[in-house]
N, C-alpha and C. Protein backbone atom coordinates (compact mmCIF):
# COMPACT_ATOMS: atom_id res chain seq x y z
N MET A 1 0.80 -1.20 0.00
CA MET A 1 0.00 0.00 0.00
C MET A 1 0.84 1.27 0.00
N PHE A 2 2.12 1.12 0.38
CA PHE A 2 2.99 2.28 0.40
C PHE A 2 3.10 2.91 -0.98
N GLY A 3 3.31 2.06 -1.99
CA GLY A 3 3.48 2.57 -3.35
C GLY A 3 2.24 3.28 -3.87
N LEU A 4 1.07 2.77 -3.50
CA LEU A 4 -0.17 3.41 -3.96
C LEU A 4 -0.31 4.82 -3.39
N ASN A 5 0.05 4.99 -2.13
CA ASN A 5 -0.03 6.32 -1.53
C ASN A 5 1.12 7.21 -1.98
N TYR A 6 2.31 6.62 -2.14
CA TYR A 6 3.47 7.42 -2.54
C TYR A 6 3.29 7.98 -3.94
N PHE A 7 2.77 7.18 -4.84
CA PHE A 7 2.56 7.63 -6.22
C PHE A 7 1.17 8.24 -6.42
N SER A 8 0.36 8.33 -5.40
CA SER A 8 -0.98 8.93 -5.44
C SER A 8 -1.85 8.30 -6.52
N ILE A 9 -1.86 7.00 -6.60
CA ILE A 9 -2.59 6.31 -7.67
C ILE A 9 -4.10 6.57 -7.58
N PRO A 10 -4.73 6.52 -6.39
CA PRO A 10 -6.17 6.83 -6.36
C PRO A 10 -6.48 8.25 -6.86
N THR A 11 -5.64 9.20 -6.50
CA THR A 11 -5.85 10.58 -6.97
C THR A 11 -5.62 10.69 -8.47
N LEU A 12 -4.60 10.00 -8.98
CA LEU A 12 -4.34 10.03 -10.42
C LEU A 12 -5.50 9.41 -11.20
N LEU A 13 -6.09 8.36 -10.67
CA LEU A 13 -7.24 7.75 -11.36
C LEU A 13 -8.46 8.66 -11.28
N ARG A 14 -8.64 9.32 -10.15
CA ARG A 14 -9.79 10.20 -9.99
C ARG A 14 -9.70 11.43 -10.90
N THR A 15 -8.49 11.92 -11.13
CA THR A 15 -8.30 13.13 -11.94
C THR A 15 -7.67 12.79 -13.29
N PHE A 16 -7.97 11.61 -13.83
CA PHE A 16 -7.28 11.11 -15.02
C PHE A 16 -7.41 12.06 -16.22
N PHE A 17 -8.59 12.60 -16.46
CA PHE A 17 -8.79 13.47 -17.63
C PHE A 17 -8.79 14.96 -17.26
N SER A 18 -8.22 15.30 -16.13
CA SER A 18 -8.12 16.72 -15.77
C SER A 18 -7.04 17.39 -16.59
N HIS A 19 -7.07 18.72 -16.60
CA HIS A 19 -6.06 19.48 -17.33
C HIS A 19 -4.69 19.24 -16.71
N TRP A 20 -3.67 19.28 -17.55
CA TRP A 20 -2.31 19.14 -17.05
C TRP A 20 -1.93 20.41 -16.30
N LYS A 21 -1.61 20.29 -15.04
CA LYS A 21 -1.23 21.40 -14.16
C LYS A 21 -2.27 22.53 -14.18
N ARG A 22 -3.50 22.17 -14.43
CA ARG A 22 -4.63 23.11 -14.46
C ARG A 22 -4.47 24.21 -15.51
N TYR A 23 -3.71 23.93 -16.56
CA TYR A 23 -3.58 24.88 -17.67
C TYR A 23 -4.82 24.78 -18.55
N SER A 24 -5.54 25.87 -18.67
CA SER A 24 -6.72 25.88 -19.54
C SER A 24 -7.00 27.31 -19.99
N TYR A 25 -7.58 27.40 -21.16
CA TYR A 25 -8.02 28.70 -21.69
C TYR A 25 -9.51 28.82 -21.45
N SER A 26 -9.96 30.05 -21.24
CA SER A 26 -11.40 30.26 -21.13
C SER A 26 -11.95 30.52 -22.53
N TYR A 27 -13.21 30.18 -22.71
CA TYR A 27 -13.84 30.34 -24.02
C TYR A 27 -14.30 31.77 -24.26
N GLY A 28 -14.33 32.58 -23.24
CA GLY A 28 -14.76 33.96 -23.41
C GLY A 28 -16.27 34.08 -23.31
N LYS A 29 -16.74 35.34 -23.16
CA LYS A 29 -18.18 35.56 -23.01
C LYS A 29 -18.87 35.67 -24.37
N ALA A 30 -18.25 36.32 -25.30
CA ALA A 30 -18.84 36.46 -26.63
C ALA A 30 -18.39 35.29 -27.50
N PHE A 31 -19.25 34.88 -28.43
CA PHE A 31 -18.91 33.76 -29.29
C PHE A 31 -18.02 34.25 -30.43
N ASN A 32 -16.79 33.75 -30.43
CA ASN A 32 -15.83 34.03 -31.48
C ASN A 32 -15.27 32.67 -31.90
N ILE A 33 -15.53 32.30 -33.17
CA ILE A 33 -15.17 30.95 -33.61
C ILE A 33 -13.67 30.70 -33.52
N GLY A 34 -12.86 31.69 -33.80
CA GLY A 34 -11.41 31.53 -33.70
C GLY A 34 -10.97 31.32 -32.26
N ARG A 35 -11.50 32.15 -31.39
CA ARG A 35 -11.18 32.03 -29.96
C ARG A 35 -11.69 30.71 -29.40
N TYR A 36 -12.91 30.31 -29.81
CA TYR A 36 -13.49 29.06 -29.35
C TYR A 36 -12.63 27.87 -29.80
N PHE A 37 -12.22 27.86 -31.07
CA PHE A 37 -11.41 26.76 -31.60
C PHE A 37 -10.05 26.71 -30.91
N GLU A 38 -9.45 27.87 -30.68
CA GLU A 38 -8.15 27.93 -30.00
C GLU A 38 -8.25 27.40 -28.57
N ALA A 39 -9.28 27.83 -27.84
CA ALA A 39 -9.46 27.38 -26.45
C ALA A 39 -9.77 25.88 -26.42
N PHE A 40 -10.64 25.42 -27.33
CA PHE A 40 -10.99 24.01 -27.37
C PHE A 40 -9.77 23.15 -27.67
N THR A 41 -8.96 23.55 -28.64
CA THR A 41 -7.77 22.78 -29.00
C THR A 41 -6.76 22.75 -27.86
N PHE A 42 -6.53 23.90 -27.26
CA PHE A 42 -5.57 23.94 -26.15
C PHE A 42 -6.05 23.10 -24.97
N ASN A 43 -7.33 23.24 -24.64
CA ASN A 43 -7.86 22.47 -23.50
C ASN A 43 -7.84 20.97 -23.79
N LEU A 44 -8.13 20.59 -25.02
CA LEU A 44 -8.08 19.18 -25.39
C LEU A 44 -6.66 18.63 -25.29
N MET A 45 -5.69 19.39 -25.79
CA MET A 45 -4.29 18.95 -25.72
C MET A 45 -3.80 18.90 -24.27
N SER A 46 -4.25 19.84 -23.46
CA SER A 46 -3.88 19.84 -22.05
C SER A 46 -4.42 18.59 -21.36
N ARG A 47 -5.63 18.20 -21.68
CA ARG A 47 -6.20 16.99 -21.09
C ARG A 47 -5.51 15.73 -21.61
N VAL A 48 -5.15 15.70 -22.88
CA VAL A 48 -4.46 14.54 -23.45
C VAL A 48 -3.08 14.39 -22.82
N ILE A 49 -2.35 15.48 -22.71
CA ILE A 49 -1.03 15.44 -22.07
C ILE A 49 -1.16 14.98 -20.62
N GLY A 50 -2.16 15.49 -19.91
CA GLY A 50 -2.38 15.08 -18.53
C GLY A 50 -2.69 13.59 -18.43
N ALA A 51 -3.52 13.08 -19.34
CA ALA A 51 -3.87 11.65 -19.32
C ALA A 51 -2.65 10.78 -19.62
N ILE A 52 -1.83 11.21 -20.58
CA ILE A 52 -0.64 10.43 -20.93
C ILE A 52 0.34 10.38 -19.76
N LEU A 53 0.62 11.52 -19.17
CA LEU A 53 1.57 11.56 -18.06
C LEU A 53 1.02 10.83 -16.82
N ARG A 54 -0.28 10.94 -16.59
CA ARG A 54 -0.87 10.21 -15.47
C ARG A 54 -0.82 8.71 -15.72
N THR A 55 -0.98 8.29 -16.98
CA THR A 55 -0.88 6.87 -17.31
C THR A 55 0.51 6.35 -16.98
N PHE A 56 1.55 7.08 -17.38
CA PHE A 56 2.91 6.66 -17.07
C PHE A 56 3.14 6.58 -15.56
N MET A 57 2.64 7.55 -14.83
CA MET A 57 2.84 7.53 -13.38
C MET A 57 2.07 6.38 -12.72
N ILE A 58 0.90 6.05 -13.23
CA ILE A 58 0.14 4.92 -12.70
C ILE A 58 0.88 3.62 -12.98
N ILE A 59 1.41 3.47 -14.19
CA ILE A 59 2.16 2.26 -14.54
C ILE A 59 3.41 2.14 -13.67
N ILE A 60 4.14 3.23 -13.49
CA ILE A 60 5.34 3.19 -12.66
C ILE A 60 4.97 2.87 -11.21
N GLY A 61 3.90 3.46 -10.71
CA GLY A 61 3.47 3.21 -9.34
C GLY A 61 3.04 1.77 -9.12
N LEU A 62 2.29 1.20 -10.08
CA LEU A 62 1.87 -0.19 -9.95
C LEU A 62 3.06 -1.14 -10.06
N ALA A 63 4.02 -0.82 -10.93
CA ALA A 63 5.22 -1.65 -11.04
C ALA A 63 6.03 -1.60 -9.75
N ALA A 64 6.16 -0.42 -9.17
CA ALA A 64 6.89 -0.30 -7.90
C ALA A 64 6.16 -1.07 -6.79
N GLU A 65 4.84 -1.02 -6.79
CA GLU A 65 4.07 -1.76 -5.78
C GLU A 65 4.27 -3.26 -5.96
N ALA A 66 4.31 -3.74 -7.20
CA ALA A 66 4.53 -5.16 -7.46
C ALA A 66 5.93 -5.58 -7.00
N VAL A 67 6.94 -4.75 -7.29
CA VAL A 67 8.30 -5.06 -6.85
C VAL A 67 8.38 -5.10 -5.34
N LEU A 68 7.76 -4.13 -4.67
CA LEU A 68 7.75 -4.12 -3.21
C LEU A 68 7.03 -5.34 -2.64
N PHE A 69 5.96 -5.76 -3.28
CA PHE A 69 5.23 -6.93 -2.82
C PHE A 69 6.09 -8.19 -2.91
N PHE A 70 6.75 -8.39 -4.07
CA PHE A 70 7.56 -9.59 -4.24
C PHE A 70 8.81 -9.57 -3.36
N LEU A 71 9.43 -8.42 -3.20
CA LEU A 71 10.58 -8.34 -2.30
C LEU A 71 10.16 -8.60 -0.86
N GLY A 72 9.01 -8.09 -0.47
CA GLY A 72 8.49 -8.35 0.87
C GLY A 72 8.19 -9.82 1.07
N ALA A 73 7.63 -10.49 0.06
CA ALA A 73 7.35 -11.92 0.16
C ALA A 73 8.65 -12.71 0.30
N ILE A 74 9.69 -12.32 -0.43
CA ILE A 74 10.99 -12.99 -0.33
C ILE A 74 11.58 -12.81 1.07
N VAL A 75 11.49 -11.61 1.60
CA VAL A 75 12.02 -11.34 2.94
C VAL A 75 11.26 -12.15 3.99
N VAL A 76 9.94 -12.20 3.90
CA VAL A 76 9.14 -12.97 4.86
C VAL A 76 9.46 -14.46 4.75
N LEU A 77 9.57 -14.97 3.54
CA LEU A 77 9.92 -16.37 3.35
C LEU A 77 11.30 -16.67 3.91
N GLY A 78 12.27 -15.80 3.65
CA GLY A 78 13.61 -15.97 4.22
C GLY A 78 13.60 -15.93 5.73
N TRP A 79 12.79 -15.05 6.29
CA TRP A 79 12.69 -14.92 7.75
C TRP A 79 12.09 -16.19 8.35
N MET A 80 11.13 -16.78 7.66
CA MET A 80 10.51 -18.01 8.15
C MET A 80 11.45 -19.21 8.01
N LEU A 81 12.31 -19.20 7.00
CA LEU A 81 13.24 -20.30 6.78
C LEU A 81 14.53 -20.15 7.59
N LEU A 82 14.75 -19.00 8.17
CA LEU A 82 16.01 -18.73 8.88
C LEU A 82 16.29 -19.71 10.02
N PRO A 83 15.34 -20.11 10.84
CA PRO A 83 15.67 -21.11 11.88
C PRO A 83 16.16 -22.43 11.29
N PHE A 84 15.53 -22.88 10.19
CA PHE A 84 15.96 -24.13 9.57
C PHE A 84 17.36 -23.99 8.96
N ILE A 85 17.64 -22.85 8.38
CA ILE A 85 18.97 -22.60 7.81
C ILE A 85 20.02 -22.59 8.92
N MET A 86 19.67 -22.00 10.04
CA MET A 86 20.62 -21.95 11.16
C MET A 86 20.87 -23.36 11.72
N ILE A 87 19.82 -24.18 11.86
CA ILE A 87 20.00 -25.55 12.35
C ILE A 87 20.82 -26.36 11.37
N PHE A 88 20.52 -26.23 10.07
CA PHE A 88 21.30 -26.93 9.04
C PHE A 88 22.75 -26.48 9.08
N GLY A 89 23.00 -25.21 9.24
CA GLY A 89 24.37 -24.71 9.31
C GLY A 89 25.11 -25.21 10.54
N LEU A 90 24.41 -25.30 11.66
CA LEU A 90 25.02 -25.82 12.87
C LEU A 90 25.40 -27.30 12.71
N ILE A 91 24.49 -28.09 12.15
CA ILE A 91 24.77 -29.52 11.92
C ILE A 91 25.91 -29.68 10.92
N TYR A 92 25.88 -28.92 9.85
CA TYR A 92 26.94 -29.00 8.83
C TYR A 92 28.29 -28.58 9.41
N GLY A 93 28.28 -27.59 10.28
CA GLY A 93 29.51 -27.14 10.92
C GLY A 93 30.11 -28.21 11.83
N PHE A 94 29.23 -28.90 12.58
CA PHE A 94 29.73 -29.99 13.44
C PHE A 94 30.29 -31.14 12.60
N LYS A 95 29.68 -31.38 11.44
CA LYS A 95 30.20 -32.44 10.55
C LYS A 95 31.58 -32.06 10.02
N LEU A 96 31.77 -30.78 9.71
CA LEU A 96 33.08 -30.33 9.22
C LEU A 96 34.13 -30.42 10.31
N ILE A 97 33.77 -30.14 11.53
CA ILE A 97 34.72 -30.19 12.64
C ILE A 97 35.13 -31.64 12.94
N SER A 98 34.18 -32.57 12.78
CA SER A 98 34.47 -33.96 13.12
C SER A 98 35.39 -34.64 12.13
N TYR A 99 35.59 -34.08 10.96
CA TYR A 99 36.51 -34.72 10.00
C TYR A 99 37.90 -34.54 10.40
């Protein structure tokens, strides 16, 4: 869960199609086709850039979470096997001394 909070994955999913860094043009009060097209194009590109960058961050965050999960599983498994490894090492050491 650390990776999900560190990379803000729930927030990134919630704001997936938001403007990139809140950059947006206003359409203005009067209807001007040039101004409308310019604002629409800029706002659309801002949302597309935001979605692309949020996608990369979500992928990186999920990959980091998967790596942390598997490393944690390896550490827990090693910790559980450590008493057996120590007993095996003790027996093997006594066998080496007896030769």
